[in-house]
Amino acid sequence: MYRSCEVDKRLSCDGKDEKLAEELYFILFLLFKILFKFFFTTSQLHNLLTFLVIILQKKGDILKKYRPNVAAVVLSSKYPEKVEILIAKRNDVDAWQFPQGGIDEGESAKEALLRELKEEIGTDEVEILAEMPEWQKYDFPKRIAKKMYPFDGQKQKYFLVKLKPNAKINLNTEVPEFEDYKFVSLKEVFDYVKSFKRPVYKIVLDYFKKQGYI
């Protein structure tokens, strides 16, 4: 009967989406079994329903509204001799993260990157080392989704940047978002980052690592 995304790789593996897909599958299975029991074998029925679930999942993703966002993996000025990654602690929740922020209308991703760095860590004195080609998406948890309405999540453009020798981090910005920061090794990042952003961070860091930057 129904196979989870771990077995059937054509299905979405987005956690809560898989549960919804499973429920949808059984409803469709019962309906189609009644309507087409004389026309399809069980195997054919399974393949047809799996195809319909995939289509509905993709349609649901298309209908979601994602806020354009830019994020930065910030390396210290000691790079490349030493790889130290900046993480900052938010001042509204107990969470560590990379600097990030929305892209304003008419603004390029690189322009947003420099503006957000200035607004969040007090400096835009950086050298852009690399840009991740694919945009990364994540859905907001329910507690955040209400606050961020009408957006269901964010799609992010990630940059790898290095602080210039004269750059000075200052969290006491016009509208402070962080209360603390530190530089950690690549292995230590996930000792601090515990939020729903972990999966995206892993994809991003793995990409820059495979490209030979970190």
C-alpha atoms as a PDB file:
ATOM      1  CA  MET A   1       0.000   0.000   0.000  1.00  0.00           C
ATOM      2  CA  TYR A   2       1.315   3.464   0.902  1.00  0.00           C
ATOM      3  CA  ARG A   3       5.097   3.777   0.988  1.00  0.00           C
ATOM      4  CA  SER A   4       6.787   6.566   2.921  1.00  0.00           C
ATOM      5  CA  CYS A   5       9.254   8.963   1.335  1.00  0.00           C
ATOM      6  CA  GLU A   6      12.096   6.902   2.822  1.00  0.00           C
ATOM      7  CA  VAL A   7      11.029   4.002   0.577  1.00  0.00           C
ATOM      8  CA  ASP A   8       9.569   5.785  -2.416  1.00  0.00           C
ATOM      9  CA  LYS A   9      11.942   8.649  -3.234  1.00  0.00           C
ATOM     10  CA  ARG A  10       9.358  10.229  -5.534  1.00  0.00           C
ATOM     11  CA  LEU A  11       7.426  11.379  -2.486  1.00  0.00           C
ATOM     12  CA  SER A  12       8.237  14.502  -0.488  1.00  0.00           C
ATOM     13  CA  CYS A  13      10.298  14.084   2.680  1.00  0.00           C
ATOM     14  CA  ASP A  14       9.153  17.259   4.416  1.00  0.00           C
ATOM     15  CA  GLY A  15       8.004  15.673   7.700  1.00  0.00           C
ATOM     16  CA  LYS A  16       4.511  17.011   8.274  1.00  0.00           C
ATOM     17  CA  ASP A  17       3.938  16.950   4.509  1.00  0.00           C
ATOM     18  CA  GLU A  18       4.571  13.204   4.477  1.00  0.00           C
ATOM     19  CA  LYS A  19       1.872  12.638   7.102  1.00  0.00           C
ATOM     20  CA  LEU A  20      -0.564  14.708   5.078  1.00  0.00           C
ATOM     21  CA  ALA A  21       0.404  12.789   1.941  1.00  0.00           C
ATOM     22  CA  GLU A  22      -0.215   9.492   3.702  1.00  0.00           C
ATOM     23  CA  GLU A  23      -3.694  10.556   4.802  1.00  0.00           C
ATOM     24  CA  LEU A  24      -4.447  11.848   1.321  1.00  0.00           C
ATOM     25  CA  TYR A  25      -3.202   8.614  -0.210  1.00  0.00           C
ATOM     26  CA  PHE A  26      -5.584   6.437   1.818  1.00  0.00           C
ATOM     27  CA  ILE A  27      -8.553   8.669   1.065  1.00  0.00           C
ATOM     28  CA  LEU A  28      -7.787   8.542  -2.640  1.00  0.00           C
ATOM     29  CA  PHE A  29      -7.120   4.812  -2.461  1.00  0.00           C
ATOM     30  CA  LEU A  30     -10.551   4.077  -1.020  1.00  0.00           C
ATOM     31  CA  LEU A  31     -12.240   6.391  -3.501  1.00  0.00           C
ATOM     32  CA  PHE A  32     -10.468   4.987  -6.539  1.00  0.00           C
ATOM     33  CA  LYS A  33     -10.905   1.421  -5.343  1.00  0.00           C
ATOM     34  CA  ILE A  34     -14.650   1.910  -5.364  1.00  0.00           C
ATOM     35  CA  LEU A  35     -14.742   3.734  -8.698  1.00  0.00           C
ATOM     36  CA  PHE A  36     -12.179   1.753 -10.645  1.00  0.00           C
ATOM     37  CA  LYS A  37     -11.966  -1.665  -9.022  1.00  0.00           C
ATOM     38  CA  PHE A  38     -12.901  -3.299 -12.309  1.00  0.00           C
ATOM     39  CA  PHE A  39     -10.282  -1.440 -14.345  1.00  0.00           C
ATOM     40  CA  PHE A  40      -7.033  -1.418 -12.297  1.00  0.00           C
ATOM     41  CA  THR A  41      -4.881  -3.984 -10.527  1.00  0.00           C
ATOM     42  CA  THR A  42      -3.680  -3.115  -7.012  1.00  0.00           C
ATOM     43  CA  SER A  43      -0.213  -2.334  -8.380  1.00  0.00           C
ATOM     44  CA  GLN A  44      -1.581  -0.041 -11.084  1.00  0.00           C
ATOM     45  CA  LEU A  45      -3.800   1.675  -8.529  1.00  0.00           C
ATOM     46  CA  HIS A  46      -0.828   2.262  -6.228  1.00  0.00           C
ATOM     47  CA  ASN A  47       1.230   3.807  -9.040  1.00  0.00           C
ATOM     48  CA  LEU A  48      -1.648   6.040 -10.091  1.00  0.00           C
ATOM     49  CA  LEU A  49      -2.263   7.290  -6.556  1.00  0.00           C
ATOM     50  CA  THR A  50       1.431   7.866  -5.871  1.00  0.00           C
ATOM     51  CA  PHE A  51       1.561   9.979  -9.028  1.00  0.00           C
ATOM     52  CA  LEU A  52      -1.472  12.020  -7.899  1.00  0.00           C
ATOM     53  CA  VAL A  53       0.022  12.600  -4.432  1.00  0.00           C
ATOM     54  CA  ILE A  54       3.283  13.843  -6.011  1.00  0.00           C
ATOM     55  CA  ILE A  55       1.363  16.262  -8.235  1.00  0.00           C
ATOM     56  CA  LEU A  56      -0.663  17.576  -5.289  1.00  0.00           C
ATOM     57  CA  GLN A  57       2.463  18.000  -3.163  1.00  0.00           C
ATOM     58  CA  LYS A  58       4.179  19.987  -5.895  1.00  0.00           C
ATOM     59  CA  LYS A  59       1.069  22.101  -6.379  1.00  0.00           C
ATOM     60  CA  GLY A  60       0.954  22.813  -2.641  1.00  0.00           C
ATOM     61  CA  ASP A  61       4.586  23.919  -2.664  1.00  0.00           C
ATOM     62  CA  ILE A  62       3.957  26.220  -5.616  1.00  0.00           C
ATOM     63  CA  LEU A  63       1.008  27.810  -3.829  1.00  0.00           C
ATOM     64  CA  LYS A  64       3.131  28.584  -0.765  1.00  0.00           C
ATOM     65  CA  LYS A  65       4.461  32.104  -0.498  1.00  0.00           C
ATOM     66  CA  TYR A  66       8.159  32.391   0.355  1.00  0.00           C
ATOM     67  CA  ARG A  67       9.786  35.640   1.458  1.00  0.00           C
ATOM     68  CA  PRO A  68      12.959  36.476  -0.521  1.00  0.00           C
ATOM     69  CA  ASN A  69      15.846  36.481   1.931  1.00  0.00           C
ATOM     70  CA  VAL A  70      19.619  36.705   1.979  1.00  0.00           C
ATOM     71  CA  ALA A  71      21.943  35.019   4.477  1.00  0.00           C
ATOM     72  CA  ALA A  72      25.685  35.039   5.101  1.00  0.00           C
ATOM     73  CA  VAL A  73      28.231  32.561   6.347  1.00  0.00           C
ATOM     74  CA  VAL A  74      30.731  35.052   7.775  1.00  0.00           C
ATOM     75  CA  LEU A  75      34.356  34.007   8.211  1.00  0.00           C
ATOM     76  CA  SER A  76      36.799  35.871  10.425  1.00  0.00           C
ATOM     77  CA  SER A  77      39.638  37.929   8.987  1.00  0.00           C
ATOM     78  CA  LYS A  78      41.997  35.050   9.903  1.00  0.00           C
ATOM     79  CA  TYR A  79      40.736  33.073   6.903  1.00  0.00           C
ATOM     80  CA  PRO A  80      42.184  31.121   5.079  1.00  0.00           C
ATOM     81  CA  GLU A  81      44.824  30.365   7.713  1.00  0.00           C
ATOM     82  CA  LYS A  82      42.031  29.582  10.157  1.00  0.00           C
ATOM     83  CA  VAL A  83      38.371  28.794   9.458  1.00  0.00           C
ATOM     84  CA  GLU A  84      36.198  30.539  12.043  1.00  0.00           C
ATOM     85  CA  ILE A  85      32.470  30.988  11.391  1.00  0.00           C
ATOM     86  CA  LEU A  86      30.391  33.762  12.941  1.00  0.00           C
ATOM     87  CA  ILE A  87      27.226  32.804  14.794  1.00  0.00           C
ATOM     88  CA  ALA A  88      25.061  35.307  16.655  1.00  0.00           C
ATOM     89  CA  LYS A  89      22.510  34.926  19.437  1.00  0.00           C
ATOM     90  CA  ARG A  90      19.130  36.534  18.857  1.00  0.00           C
ATOM     91  CA  ASN A  91      17.845  38.977  21.468  1.00  0.00           C
ATOM     92  CA  ASP A  92      14.195  37.878  21.199  1.00  0.00           C
ATOM     93  CA  VAL A  93      14.575  34.089  21.491  1.00  0.00           C
ATOM     94  CA  ASP A  94      17.235  31.712  22.772  1.00  0.00           C
ATOM     95  CA  ALA A  95      18.671  30.844  19.367  1.00  0.00           C
ATOM     96  CA  TRP A  96      21.958  31.166  17.504  1.00  0.00           C
ATOM     97  CA  GLN A  97      22.057  31.765  13.761  1.00  0.00           C
ATOM     98  CA  PHE A  98      23.836  33.300  10.784  1.00  0.00           C
ATOM     99  CA  PRO A  99      23.116  36.930   9.847  1.00  0.00           C
ATOM    100  CA  GLN A 100      20.163  37.115   7.465  1.00  0.00           C
ATOM    101  CA  GLY A 101      17.344  39.377   6.337  1.00  0.00           C
ATOM    102  CA  GLY A 102      14.707  40.123   3.731  1.00  0.00           C
ATOM    103  CA  ILE A 103      15.457  41.426   0.250  1.00  0.00           C
ATOM    104  CA  ASP A 104      13.647  44.697  -0.398  1.00  0.00           C
ATOM    105  CA  GLU A 105      11.785  45.374  -3.621  1.00  0.00           C
ATOM    106  CA  GLY A 106      14.158  46.536  -6.354  1.00  0.00           C
ATOM    107  CA  GLU A 107      17.202  45.405  -4.361  1.00  0.00           C
ATOM    108  CA  SER A 108      19.692  42.814  -5.597  1.00  0.00           C
ATOM    109  CA  ALA A 109      20.756  39.931  -3.372  1.00  0.00           C
ATOM    110  CA  LYS A 110      24.269  41.369  -2.996  1.00  0.00           C
ATOM    111  CA  GLU A 111      22.907  44.799  -2.096  1.00  0.00           C
ATOM    112  CA  ALA A 112      20.643  43.185   0.512  1.00  0.00           C
ATOM    113  CA  LEU A 113      23.577  41.176   1.843  1.00  0.00           C
ATOM    114  CA  LEU A 114      25.686  44.246   2.565  1.00  0.00           C
ATOM    115  CA  ARG A 115      22.748  46.203   3.998  1.00  0.00           C
ATOM    116  CA  GLU A 116      21.716  43.366   6.315  1.00  0.00           C
ATOM    117  CA  LEU A 117      25.267  42.842   7.563  1.00  0.00           C
ATOM    118  CA  LYS A 118      25.510  46.547   8.381  1.00  0.00           C
ATOM    119  CA  GLU A 119      22.125  46.495  10.133  1.00  0.00           C
ATOM    120  CA  GLU A 120      22.726  43.284  12.094  1.00  0.00           C
ATOM    121  CA  ILE A 121      26.440  43.099  12.948  1.00  0.00           C
ATOM    122  CA  GLY A 122      27.392  46.736  12.416  1.00  0.00           C
ATOM    123  CA  THR A 123      29.740  46.298   9.474  1.00  0.00           C
ATOM    124  CA  ASP A 124      29.613  45.619   5.770  1.00  0.00           C
ATOM    125  CA  GLU A 125      33.398  45.508   5.460  1.00  0.00           C
ATOM    126  CA  VAL A 126      33.515  42.052   3.899  1.00  0.00           C
ATOM    127  CA  GLU A 127      34.960  40.279   0.896  1.00  0.00           C
ATOM    128  CA  ILE A 128      32.482  38.030  -0.932  1.00  0.00           C
ATOM    129  CA  LEU A 129      34.190  34.690  -1.514  1.00  0.00           C
ATOM    130  CA  ALA A 130      31.370  32.626  -2.988  1.00  0.00           C
ATOM    131  CA  GLU A 131      27.652  32.474  -3.671  1.00  0.00           C
ATOM    132  CA  MET A 132      25.504  29.362  -3.463  1.00  0.00           C
ATOM    133  CA  PRO A 133      23.710  29.042  -6.823  1.00  0.00           C
ATOM    134  CA  GLU A 134      20.537  27.387  -5.541  1.00  0.00           C
ATOM    135  CA  TRP A 135      18.055  29.211  -3.337  1.00  0.00           C
ATOM    136  CA  GLN A 136      17.291  27.357  -0.111  1.00  0.00           C
ATOM    137  CA  LYS A 137      13.726  27.173   1.210  1.00  0.00           C
ATOM    138  CA  TYR A 138      12.288  26.462   4.624  1.00  0.00           C
ATOM    139  CA  ASP A 139       8.813  26.721   6.125  1.00  0.00           C
ATOM    140  CA  PHE A 140       8.151  28.734   9.261  1.00  0.00           C
ATOM    141  CA  PRO A 141       7.127  26.822  12.410  1.00  0.00           C
ATOM    142  CA  LYS A 142       3.538  27.589  13.451  1.00  0.00           C
ATOM    143  CA  ARG A 143       4.636  29.948  16.233  1.00  0.00           C
ATOM    144  CA  ILE A 144       6.498  32.090  13.703  1.00  0.00           C
ATOM    145  CA  ALA A 145       4.149  31.704  10.729  1.00  0.00           C
ATOM    146  CA  LYS A 146       1.454  33.880  12.336  1.00  0.00           C
ATOM    147  CA  LYS A 147       3.961  36.676  12.905  1.00  0.00           C
ATOM    148  CA  MET A 148       5.312  36.447   9.351  1.00  0.00           C
ATOM    149  CA  TYR A 149       1.930  36.285   7.561  1.00  0.00           C
ATOM    150  CA  PRO A 150       1.292  36.254   4.581  1.00  0.00           C
ATOM    151  CA  PHE A 151       4.541  34.313   4.086  1.00  0.00           C
ATOM    152  CA  ASP A 152       4.704  30.551   4.661  1.00  0.00           C
ATOM    153  CA  GLY A 153       8.477  30.500   4.811  1.00  0.00           C
ATOM    154  CA  GLN A 154      11.623  31.952   3.316  1.00  0.00           C
ATOM    155  CA  LYS A 155      13.745  31.298   0.247  1.00  0.00           C
ATOM    156  CA  GLN A 156      17.335  32.268   0.870  1.00  0.00           C
ATOM    157  CA  LYS A 157      20.338  33.192  -1.223  1.00  0.00           C
ATOM    158  CA  TYR A 158      23.503  32.266   0.690  1.00  0.00           C
ATOM    159  CA  PHE A 159      26.869  33.985   0.453  1.00  0.00           C
ATOM    160  CA  LEU A 160      30.230  33.059   1.937  1.00  0.00           C
ATOM    161  CA  VAL A 161      32.046  36.201   3.049  1.00  0.00           C
ATOM    162  CA  LYS A 162      35.239  37.082   4.878  1.00  0.00           C
ATOM    163  CA  LEU A 163      35.598  40.016   7.245  1.00  0.00           C
ATOM    164  CA  LYS A 164      38.212  42.514   6.111  1.00  0.00           C
ATOM    165  CA  PRO A 165      41.083  43.176   8.562  1.00  0.00           C
ATOM    166  CA  ASN A 166      39.653  46.571   9.540  1.00  0.00           C
ATOM    167  CA  ALA A 167      36.099  45.309  10.089  1.00  0.00           C
ATOM    168  CA  LYS A 168      34.704  45.790  13.589  1.00  0.00           C
ATOM    169  CA  ILE A 169      31.580  43.943  14.722  1.00  0.00           C
ATOM    170  CA  ASN A 170      29.122  46.068  16.682  1.00  0.00           C
ATOM    171  CA  LEU A 171      25.795  44.574  17.772  1.00  0.00           C
ATOM    172  CA  ASN A 172      24.589  47.897  19.190  1.00  0.00           C
ATOM    173  CA  THR A 173      22.963  48.874  15.902  1.00  0.00           C
ATOM    174  CA  GLU A 174      19.977  51.146  15.301  1.00  0.00           C
ATOM    175  CA  VAL A 175      17.574  48.209  15.735  1.00  0.00           C
ATOM    176  CA  PRO A 176      19.572  45.486  17.531  1.00  0.00           C
ATOM    177  CA  GLU A 177      18.713  41.893  16.633  1.00  0.00           C
ATOM    178  CA  PHE A 178      21.548  40.078  18.405  1.00  0.00           C
ATOM    179  CA  GLU A 179      22.822  40.163  21.966  1.00  0.00           C
ATOM    180  CA  ASP A 180      25.980  38.115  21.580  1.00  0.00           C
ATOM    181  CA  TYR A 181      28.246  36.601  18.946  1.00  0.00           C
ATOM    182  CA  LYS A 182      31.223  34.286  18.682  1.00  0.00           C
ATOM    183  CA  PHE A 183      33.438  32.629  16.105  1.00  0.00           C
ATOM    184  CA  VAL A 184      33.361  28.841  16.100  1.00  0.00           C
ATOM    185  CA  SER A 185      34.849  26.042  14.048  1.00  0.00           C
ATOM    186  CA  LEU A 186      32.831  24.263  11.365  1.00  0.00           C
ATOM    187  CA  LYS A 187      32.324  21.290  13.688  1.00  0.00           C
ATOM    188  CA  GLU A 188      31.070  23.515  16.501  1.00  0.00           C
ATOM    189  CA  VAL A 189      28.340  25.310  14.531  1.00  0.00           C
ATOM    190  CA  PHE A 190      25.687  22.722  15.331  1.00  0.00           C
ATOM    191  CA  ASP A 191      26.605  22.697  19.013  1.00  0.00           C
ATOM    192  CA  TYR A 192      24.886  26.099  19.062  1.00  0.00           C
ATOM    193  CA  VAL A 193      22.369  26.066  16.227  1.00  0.00           C
ATOM    194  CA  LYS A 194      19.421  24.001  17.455  1.00  0.00           C
ATOM    195  CA  SER A 195      16.537  25.636  15.597  1.00  0.00           C
ATOM    196  CA  PHE A 196      14.507  24.606  12.553  1.00  0.00           C
ATOM    197  CA  LYS A 197      17.234  26.163  10.389  1.00  0.00           C
ATOM    198  CA  ARG A 198      19.654  23.291  11.016  1.00  0.00           C
ATOM    199  CA  PRO A 199      18.790  21.313   7.832  1.00  0.00           C
ATOM    200  CA  VAL A 200      19.360  24.340   5.594  1.00  0.00           C
ATOM    201  CA  TYR A 201      22.596  25.225   7.399  1.00  0.00           C
ATOM    202  CA  LYS A 202      23.874  21.701   6.849  1.00  0.00           C
ATOM    203  CA  ILE A 203      23.151  21.882   3.115  1.00  0.00           C
ATOM    204  CA  VAL A 204      24.846  25.276   2.834  1.00  0.00           C
ATOM    205  CA  LEU A 205      27.948  24.394   4.842  1.00  0.00           C
ATOM    206  CA  ASP A 206      28.319  21.072   3.029  1.00  0.00           C
ATOM    207  CA  TYR A 207      28.174  22.930  -0.290  1.00  0.00           C
ATOM    208  CA  PHE A 208      30.910  25.422   0.633  1.00  0.00           C
ATOM    209  CA  LYS A 209      32.970  22.596   2.093  1.00  0.00           C
ATOM    210  CA  LYS A 210      32.709  20.517  -1.095  1.00  0.00           C
ATOM    211  CA  GLN A 211      33.721  23.572  -3.102  1.00  0.00           C
ATOM    212  CA  GLY A 212      36.917  23.718  -1.028  1.00  0.00           C
ATOM    213  CA  TYR A 213      36.258  27.001   0.782  1.00  0.00           C
ATOM    214  CA  ILE A 214      35.875  25.744   4.359  1.00  0.00           C
END
